Structure formats: C-alpha cells, structure tokens
Amino acid sequence: VDKQARTHGFRRTAAAVVAALPAEHRALLDAYVAGVNAGLAALRTRPWEYLVLRTAPVPWRPEDSILCAYAMWFELQDSTAHYEQSLAALRAAHGAAGVEF
C-alpha cells in the first residue's frame, strides 16, 4: 500500500497546494499548524504509537494537513467495493432506515 501511495507524489502535490493558497487561507492553515504543534508540545508523554515505534513526533507542517485530506481520499477509493457490499448487507438486514442511520 505504501509503494502504491508513493507513486501519487502526494507530498510534492501537497507542498504545491500550500504554496498556491491565497493569503487568507494560508493564514488559517498556519494558525491550525501552530495549534497542532502547541498541543504536541503540551503532551506529557508521546502518543502510544510513537512509544511502540520508539520514535518522537516531528512538528506538524502545513502540507501535513493537505496530506490528511489526500489520505482520506486514498482510503475512500475502495477498489474491492467493500463499502458498497457493507451497505447492501445493512440494507438487507435493516432496510433503508438502517442505511440512513
């Protein structure tokens, strides 16, 4: 999965997106980045994932926020149709109300 994701060049594209942002959007993104990094600095211990991996978190960067959106897009591209199969099973078991819920 990692090799497949790397072929898209998301980090390079995210950096280009950040560079092209209008000033007011960049200001909002920079404020978000500052908040994430302030929260990270305020932690008493590293998040458990970092403890398991024996590494430390690095400061959040503006392109990291864009990368999160790309990761969500990538995750939602379900080539196995698992999501649709789940919806069909839910609809069969609970009807339209179950799907709507």
Protein backbone atom coordinates (compact mmCIF):
# COMPACT_ATOMS: atom_id res chain seq x y z
CA VAL A 1 0.00 0.00 0.00
CA ASP A 2 2.85 2.35 0.87
CA LYS A 3 4.54 1.78 -2.50
CA GLN A 4 1.26 2.41 -4.31
CA ALA A 5 0.61 5.60 -2.36
CA ARG A 6 4.10 6.92 -3.04
CA THR A 7 3.56 6.73 -6.80
CA HIS A 8 0.99 9.53 -6.48
CA GLY A 9 3.55 12.04 -5.15
CA PHE A 10 1.10 13.35 -2.57
CA ARG A 11 3.75 15.17 -0.50
CA ARG A 12 5.02 17.05 -3.56
CA THR A 13 1.46 17.88 -4.59
CA ALA A 14 0.53 18.97 -1.06
CA ALA A 15 3.52 21.34 -0.97
CA ALA A 16 2.35 22.84 -4.27
CA VAL A 17 -1.19 23.25 -2.91
CA VAL A 18 0.11 25.05 0.18
CA ALA A 19 2.32 27.31 -1.95
CA ALA A 20 -0.67 28.27 -4.12
CA LEU A 21 -3.06 29.07 -1.28
CA PRO A 22 -4.50 32.57 -1.09
CA ALA A 23 -3.08 34.58 1.84
CA GLU A 24 -6.25 34.32 3.93
CA HIS A 25 -6.38 30.53 3.55
CA ARG A 26 -2.68 30.22 4.32
CA ALA A 27 -3.18 32.28 7.49
CA LEU A 28 -5.90 29.86 8.63
CA LEU A 29 -3.73 26.87 7.84
CA ASP A 30 -0.75 28.40 9.66
CA ALA A 31 -2.93 29.02 12.72
CA TYR A 32 -4.05 25.39 12.64
CA VAL A 33 -0.44 24.21 12.34
CA ALA A 34 0.54 26.39 15.31
CA GLY A 35 -2.30 24.88 17.35
CA VAL A 36 -1.33 21.31 16.49
CA ASN A 37 2.28 21.97 17.41
CA ALA A 38 1.27 23.71 20.66
CA GLY A 39 -0.83 20.68 21.56
CA LEU A 40 2.04 18.37 20.70
CA ALA A 41 4.43 20.40 22.84
CA ALA A 42 1.98 20.29 25.77
CA LEU A 43 1.79 16.48 25.88
CA ARG A 44 3.29 14.90 28.99
CA THR A 45 4.19 11.73 27.11
CA ARG A 46 4.43 10.77 23.49
CA PRO A 47 1.33 9.21 21.91
CA TRP A 48 1.38 5.42 22.25
CA GLU A 49 2.07 4.88 18.54
CA TYR A 50 5.37 6.72 18.93
CA LEU A 51 6.22 4.78 22.06
CA VAL A 52 5.66 1.49 20.22
CA LEU A 53 7.74 2.66 17.25
CA ARG A 54 10.41 4.11 19.58
CA THR A 55 10.42 7.45 17.82
CA ALA A 56 9.38 11.01 18.56
CA PRO A 57 6.74 13.01 16.70
CA VAL A 58 8.05 15.73 14.40
CA PRO A 59 6.44 19.18 14.24
CA TRP A 60 3.30 19.40 12.10
CA ARG A 61 3.77 21.19 8.78
CA PRO A 62 1.17 22.94 6.63
CA GLU A 63 1.38 20.26 3.94
CA ASP A 64 0.59 17.61 6.57
CA SER A 65 -2.96 18.94 6.75
CA ILE A 66 -3.32 18.60 2.99
CA LEU A 67 -1.82 15.11 3.20
CA CYS A 68 -4.58 14.15 5.65
CA ALA A 69 -7.17 15.06 3.04
CA TYR A 70 -5.26 13.04 0.44
CA ALA A 71 -5.07 10.09 2.82
CA MET A 72 -8.84 10.22 3.30
CA TRP A 73 -9.34 10.33 -0.47
CA PHE A 74 -6.97 7.42 -0.92
CA GLU A 75 -8.71 5.39 1.80
CA LEU A 76 -12.14 6.04 0.31
CA GLN A 77 -11.10 4.74 -3.10
CA ASP A 78 -12.31 1.22 -2.44
CA SER A 79 -11.37 -0.97 -5.38
CA THR A 80 -12.84 -4.03 -3.65
CA ALA A 81 -16.31 -2.44 -3.26
CA HIS A 82 -16.24 -3.47 0.40
CA TYR A 83 -18.13 -0.31 1.38
CA GLU A 84 -20.89 -0.94 -1.13
CA GLN A 85 -21.12 -4.58 -0.04
CA SER A 86 -21.45 -3.45 3.57
CA LEU A 87 -24.24 -1.06 2.64
CA ALA A 88 -26.07 -3.80 0.74
CA ALA A 89 -25.80 -6.14 3.74
CA LEU A 90 -27.01 -3.38 6.06
CA ARG A 91 -29.93 -2.61 3.74
CA ALA A 92 -30.86 -6.31 3.56
CA ALA A 93 -30.76 -6.68 7.34
CA HIS A 94 -32.26 -3.35 8.43
CA GLY A 95 -33.81 -1.71 5.41
CA ALA A 96 -33.36 1.86 4.27
CA ALA A 97 -33.67 3.12 7.86
CA GLY A 98 -30.58 1.13 8.83
CA VAL A 99 -28.59 2.56 5.97
CA GLU A 100 -29.80 6.09 6.72
CA PHE A 101 -28.82 5.68 10.36
